[in-house]
Amino acid sequence: MIEKDYSVLSSTFDELAKYAHLHFMDEESVWLRYFDEDDPWFSSHQHTHDSFWPKVNQLQLANSDKPLHEGVENIMQYLIRWLAFHIVGEDKRMANAIRLMESGMTIDQAKIIADAEMKDSLYVLIDVILNMYDRLCGRTMAMLRERRADEKNLEEAGSDKT
C-alpha cells in the first residue's frame, strides 16, 4: 500500500512539473509583450518561476523519510503559499501594470501605480488566511489519520473473530 501511495505521489508530481513548465512558459510570453527580458519585474518573475520546481524537489527529498501523509502535508503547505503569493502578489501586480499601460500610461508610470495598488496589507491578509488554512489543513490531516487508524483497528478486530 505504501509503495502504491508513493508511486501515485511521484506520478502526481511528474504531472505537476509538466503543467508548471507549460504554464510558466505561457505566462512569461504574455509578460514579454509588455516587459523587456531585462526588465527587473520580468527577470524577478522569471527567477520565481525558475526556483519553483527545485524547491518542490528539495521538499520531496527532505520529506522522503517521513510518513507519506506528513510529507504530502508539508509539500501542500508550500504549494498553497507559493501559489497564493505568486498569483495574488506578483501576477496581479504585473497584470495591473499591463492594464495601466493599455490605458495609455508609460511603463514607469504603470509600475509606480501598480506598486501602490499592491499594499503591504495585502500580504498581511494573505499570511493570516494561509495561517488559518495551515491550521485547518493540519487538523484535517490529523482527523484523516485517526479515521485511517480506526478503520485499521476495526479490520484487525474483524479478522481476529474469524
C-alpha atoms as a PDB file:
ATOM      1  CA  MET A   1       0.000   0.000   0.000  1.00  0.00           C
ATOM      2  CA  ILE A   2       2.771   2.458   0.907  1.00  0.00           C
ATOM      3  CA  GLU A   3       4.679   1.774  -2.340  1.00  0.00           C
ATOM      4  CA  LYS A   4       1.477   2.374  -4.310  1.00  0.00           C
ATOM      5  CA  ASP A   5       0.929   5.672  -2.428  1.00  0.00           C
ATOM      6  CA  TYR A   6       4.452   6.837  -3.256  1.00  0.00           C
ATOM      7  CA  SER A   7       4.024   5.749  -6.878  1.00  0.00           C
ATOM      8  CA  VAL A   8       0.838   7.813  -7.172  1.00  0.00           C
ATOM      9  CA  LEU A   9       2.567  10.749  -5.468  1.00  0.00           C
ATOM     10  CA  SER A  10       5.540  10.534  -7.804  1.00  0.00           C
ATOM     11  CA  SER A  11       3.260  10.395 -10.837  1.00  0.00           C
ATOM     12  CA  THR A  12       1.301  13.385  -9.495  1.00  0.00           C
ATOM     13  CA  PHE A  13       4.493  15.420  -9.108  1.00  0.00           C
ATOM     14  CA  ASP A  14       5.556  14.487 -12.642  1.00  0.00           C
ATOM     15  CA  GLU A  15       2.226  15.821 -13.925  1.00  0.00           C
ATOM     16  CA  LEU A  16       2.630  18.964 -11.811  1.00  0.00           C
ATOM     17  CA  ALA A  17       6.121  19.541 -13.210  1.00  0.00           C
ATOM     18  CA  LYS A  18       4.872  19.280 -16.802  1.00  0.00           C
ATOM     19  CA  TYR A  19       1.955  21.595 -16.130  1.00  0.00           C
ATOM     20  CA  ALA A  20       4.074  24.145 -14.245  1.00  0.00           C
ATOM     21  CA  HIS A  21       6.632  24.272 -17.055  1.00  0.00           C
ATOM     22  CA  LEU A  22       3.976  24.879 -19.720  1.00  0.00           C
ATOM     23  CA  HIS A  23       2.125  27.397 -17.571  1.00  0.00           C
ATOM     24  CA  PHE A  24       5.270  29.359 -16.769  1.00  0.00           C
ATOM     25  CA  MET A  25       6.246  29.481 -20.459  1.00  0.00           C
ATOM     26  CA  ASP A  26       2.765  30.710 -21.431  1.00  0.00           C
ATOM     27  CA  GLU A  27       2.683  33.288 -18.659  1.00  0.00           C
ATOM     28  CA  GLU A  28       6.124  34.620 -19.485  1.00  0.00           C
ATOM     29  CA  SER A  29       5.139  35.001 -23.145  1.00  0.00           C
ATOM     30  CA  VAL A  30       2.289  37.268 -22.012  1.00  0.00           C
ATOM     31  CA  TRP A  31       4.580  39.364 -19.813  1.00  0.00           C
ATOM     32  CA  LEU A  32       7.116  39.681 -22.654  1.00  0.00           C
ATOM     33  CA  ARG A  33       4.538  41.526 -24.756  1.00  0.00           C
ATOM     34  CA  TYR A  34       4.775  44.380 -22.239  1.00  0.00           C
ATOM     35  CA  PHE A  35       8.086  43.995 -20.399  1.00  0.00           C
ATOM     36  CA  ASP A  36      11.585  43.603 -21.856  1.00  0.00           C
ATOM     37  CA  GLU A  37      13.539  40.486 -20.924  1.00  0.00           C
ATOM     38  CA  ASP A  38      15.952  42.611 -18.904  1.00  0.00           C
ATOM     39  CA  ASP A  39      13.156  44.457 -17.088  1.00  0.00           C
ATOM     40  CA  PRO A  40      13.602  43.903 -13.331  1.00  0.00           C
ATOM     41  CA  TRP A  41       9.954  42.920 -12.888  1.00  0.00           C
ATOM     42  CA  PHE A  42      10.153  40.338 -15.653  1.00  0.00           C
ATOM     43  CA  SER A  43      13.522  38.907 -14.614  1.00  0.00           C
ATOM     44  CA  SER A  44      12.392  38.677 -10.978  1.00  0.00           C
ATOM     45  CA  HIS A  45       9.200  36.944 -12.049  1.00  0.00           C
ATOM     46  CA  GLN A  46      11.143  34.549 -14.242  1.00  0.00           C
ATOM     47  CA  HIS A  47      13.501  33.816 -11.339  1.00  0.00           C
ATOM     48  CA  THR A  48      10.476  32.999  -9.158  1.00  0.00           C
ATOM     49  CA  HIS A  49       9.311  30.528 -11.798  1.00  0.00           C
ATOM     50  CA  ASP A  50      12.793  29.042 -12.166  1.00  0.00           C
ATOM     51  CA  SER A  51      13.124  28.497  -8.412  1.00  0.00           C
ATOM     52  CA  PHE A  52       9.688  26.871  -8.003  1.00  0.00           C
ATOM     53  CA  TRP A  53      10.438  23.325  -9.109  1.00  0.00           C
ATOM     54  CA  PRO A  54      13.847  22.980  -7.415  1.00  0.00           C
ATOM     55  CA  LYS A  55      12.160  23.968  -4.122  1.00  0.00           C
ATOM     56  CA  VAL A  56       9.431  21.352  -4.634  1.00  0.00           C
ATOM     57  CA  ASN A  57      12.094  18.723  -5.351  1.00  0.00           C
ATOM     58  CA  GLN A  58      14.021  19.820  -2.264  1.00  0.00           C
ATOM     59  CA  LEU A  59      10.864  19.411  -0.166  1.00  0.00           C
ATOM     60  CA  GLN A  60      10.252  15.969  -1.656  1.00  0.00           C
ATOM     61  CA  LEU A  61      13.745  14.878  -0.668  1.00  0.00           C
ATOM     62  CA  ALA A  62      13.532  16.482   2.782  1.00  0.00           C
ATOM     63  CA  ASN A  63      10.258  14.671   3.453  1.00  0.00           C
ATOM     64  CA  SER A  64      11.141  11.313   1.882  1.00  0.00           C
ATOM     65  CA  ASP A  65      11.927   9.714   5.247  1.00  0.00           C
ATOM     66  CA  LYS A  66       8.678  10.925   6.831  1.00  0.00           C
ATOM     67  CA  PRO A  67       5.312   9.197   6.725  1.00  0.00           C
ATOM     68  CA  LEU A  68       3.570   9.865   3.415  1.00  0.00           C
ATOM     69  CA  HIS A  69       0.793  11.976   4.935  1.00  0.00           C
ATOM     70  CA  GLU A  70       3.299  14.245   6.685  1.00  0.00           C
ATOM     71  CA  GLY A  71       5.387  14.743   3.561  1.00  0.00           C
ATOM     72  CA  VAL A  72       2.329  15.488   1.449  1.00  0.00           C
ATOM     73  CA  GLU A  73       1.080  17.953   4.060  1.00  0.00           C
ATOM     74  CA  ASN A  74       4.428  19.804   4.125  1.00  0.00           C
ATOM     75  CA  ILE A  75       4.612  19.999   0.341  1.00  0.00           C
ATOM     76  CA  MET A  76       0.970  21.089   0.034  1.00  0.00           C
ATOM     77  CA  GLN A  77       1.526  23.877   2.534  1.00  0.00           C
ATOM     78  CA  TYR A  78       4.442  25.154   0.444  1.00  0.00           C
ATOM     79  CA  LEU A  79       2.497  24.884  -2.821  1.00  0.00           C
ATOM     80  CA  ILE A  80      -0.526  26.722  -1.475  1.00  0.00           C
ATOM     81  CA  ARG A  81       1.567  29.530  -0.017  1.00  0.00           C
ATOM     82  CA  TRP A  82       3.678  29.839  -3.151  1.00  0.00           C
ATOM     83  CA  LEU A  83       0.647  29.928  -5.433  1.00  0.00           C
ATOM     84  CA  ALA A  84      -1.229  32.441  -3.294  1.00  0.00           C
ATOM     85  CA  PHE A  85       1.690  34.858  -3.055  1.00  0.00           C
ATOM     86  CA  HIS A  86       2.621  34.375  -6.687  1.00  0.00           C
ATOM     87  CA  ILE A  87      -0.868  34.788  -8.135  1.00  0.00           C
ATOM     88  CA  VAL A  88      -2.265  37.394  -5.755  1.00  0.00           C
ATOM     89  CA  GLY A  89       1.057  39.180  -5.430  1.00  0.00           C
ATOM     90  CA  GLU A  90       3.395  39.043  -8.414  1.00  0.00           C
ATOM     91  CA  ASP A  91       0.938  38.108 -11.166  1.00  0.00           C
ATOM     92  CA  LYS A  92      -1.618  40.657 -10.022  1.00  0.00           C
ATOM     93  CA  ARG A  93       0.987  43.424  -9.808  1.00  0.00           C
ATOM     94  CA  MET A  94       2.163  42.726 -13.346  1.00  0.00           C
ATOM     95  CA  ALA A  95      -1.402  42.428 -14.648  1.00  0.00           C
ATOM     96  CA  ASN A  96      -2.260  45.765 -13.012  1.00  0.00           C
ATOM     97  CA  ALA A  97       0.728  47.389 -14.703  1.00  0.00           C
ATOM     98  CA  ILE A  98      -0.360  45.967 -18.062  1.00  0.00           C
ATOM     99  CA  ARG A  99      -3.902  47.267 -17.532  1.00  0.00           C
ATOM    100  CA  LEU A 100      -2.473  50.711 -16.820  1.00  0.00           C
ATOM    101  CA  MET A 101      -0.148  50.597 -19.863  1.00  0.00           C
ATOM    102  CA  GLU A 102      -3.090  49.612 -22.045  1.00  0.00           C
ATOM    103  CA  SER A 103      -4.932  52.686 -20.748  1.00  0.00           C
ATOM    104  CA  GLY A 104      -2.115  54.879 -22.087  1.00  0.00           C
ATOM    105  CA  MET A 105       0.426  55.137 -19.274  1.00  0.00           C
ATOM    106  CA  THR A 106       4.125  54.634 -19.755  1.00  0.00           C
ATOM    107  CA  ILE A 107       5.665  51.533 -18.254  1.00  0.00           C
ATOM    108  CA  ASP A 108       7.292  53.597 -15.491  1.00  0.00           C
ATOM    109  CA  GLN A 109       4.012  55.320 -14.567  1.00  0.00           C
ATOM    110  CA  ALA A 110       2.177  51.992 -14.649  1.00  0.00           C
ATOM    111  CA  LYS A 111       4.734  50.347 -12.365  1.00  0.00           C
ATOM    112  CA  ILE A 112       4.516  53.130  -9.775  1.00  0.00           C
ATOM    113  CA  ILE A 113       0.738  52.930  -9.629  1.00  0.00           C
ATOM    114  CA  ALA A 114       0.673  49.115  -9.721  1.00  0.00           C
ATOM    115  CA  ASP A 115       3.100  49.040  -6.789  1.00  0.00           C
ATOM    116  CA  ALA A 116       0.935  51.489  -4.869  1.00  0.00           C
ATOM    117  CA  GLU A 117      -2.114  49.329  -5.509  1.00  0.00           C
ATOM    118  CA  MET A 118      -0.336  46.351  -4.031  1.00  0.00           C
ATOM    119  CA  LYS A 119      -0.150  47.494  -0.447  1.00  0.00           C
ATOM    120  CA  ASP A 120       1.671  45.552   2.250  1.00  0.00           C
ATOM    121  CA  SER A 121      -1.711  44.942   3.855  1.00  0.00           C
ATOM    122  CA  LEU A 122      -2.480  42.510   1.053  1.00  0.00           C
ATOM    123  CA  TYR A 123       0.457  40.343   2.106  1.00  0.00           C
ATOM    124  CA  VAL A 124      -0.593  40.529   5.747  1.00  0.00           C
ATOM    125  CA  LEU A 125      -4.096  39.431   4.785  1.00  0.00           C
ATOM    126  CA  ILE A 126      -2.768  36.572   2.686  1.00  0.00           C
ATOM    127  CA  ASP A 127      -0.490  35.462   5.501  1.00  0.00           C
ATOM    128  CA  VAL A 128      -3.359  35.468   8.024  1.00  0.00           C
ATOM    129  CA  ILE A 129      -5.568  33.477   5.670  1.00  0.00           C
ATOM    130  CA  LEU A 130      -2.814  30.996   4.913  1.00  0.00           C
ATOM    131  CA  ASN A 131      -2.036  30.517   8.599  1.00  0.00           C
ATOM    132  CA  MET A 132      -5.709  29.758   9.192  1.00  0.00           C
ATOM    133  CA  TYR A 133      -5.605  27.329   6.274  1.00  0.00           C
ATOM    134  CA  ASP A 134      -2.452  25.663   7.663  1.00  0.00           C
ATOM    135  CA  ARG A 135      -4.193  25.026  10.961  1.00  0.00           C
ATOM    136  CA  LEU A 136      -7.306  23.729   9.227  1.00  0.00           C
ATOM    137  CA  CYS A 137      -5.211  21.513   6.951  1.00  0.00           C
ATOM    138  CA  GLY A 138      -3.271  20.143   9.917  1.00  0.00           C
ATOM    139  CA  ARG A 139      -6.468  19.350  11.801  1.00  0.00           C
ATOM    140  CA  THR A 140      -7.991  17.728   8.734  1.00  0.00           C
ATOM    141  CA  MET A 141      -4.915  15.580   8.188  1.00  0.00           C
ATOM    142  CA  ALA A 142      -4.954  14.553  11.875  1.00  0.00           C
ATOM    143  CA  MET A 143      -8.623  13.618  11.572  1.00  0.00           C
ATOM    144  CA  LEU A 144      -7.911  11.565   8.448  1.00  0.00           C
ATOM    145  CA  ARG A 145      -5.047   9.764  10.228  1.00  0.00           C
ATOM    146  CA  GLU A 146      -7.354   8.975  13.155  1.00  0.00           C
ATOM    147  CA  ARG A 147     -10.004   7.699  10.773  1.00  0.00           C
ATOM    148  CA  ARG A 148      -7.464   5.515   8.979  1.00  0.00           C
ATOM    149  CA  ALA A 149      -6.256   4.126  12.322  1.00  0.00           C
ATOM    150  CA  ASP A 150      -9.844   3.454  13.423  1.00  0.00           C
ATOM    151  CA  GLU A 151     -10.590   1.635  10.167  1.00  0.00           C
ATOM    152  CA  LYS A 152      -7.422  -0.430  10.552  1.00  0.00           C
ATOM    153  CA  ASN A 153      -8.373  -1.317  14.137  1.00  0.00           C
ATOM    154  CA  LEU A 154     -11.851  -2.354  13.005  1.00  0.00           C
ATOM    155  CA  GLU A 155     -10.375  -4.505  10.238  1.00  0.00           C
ATOM    156  CA  GLU A 156      -7.982  -6.152  12.700  1.00  0.00           C
ATOM    157  CA  ALA A 157     -10.765  -6.713  15.215  1.00  0.00           C
ATOM    158  CA  GLY A 158     -12.919  -8.270  12.469  1.00  0.00           C
ATOM    159  CA  SER A 159     -10.114 -10.571  11.329  1.00  0.00           C
ATOM    160  CA  ASP A 160      -9.427 -11.667  14.928  1.00  0.00           C
ATOM    161  CA  LYS A 161     -13.012 -13.006  15.181  1.00  0.00           C
ATOM    162  CA  THR A 162     -12.609 -15.305  12.203  1.00  0.00           C
END
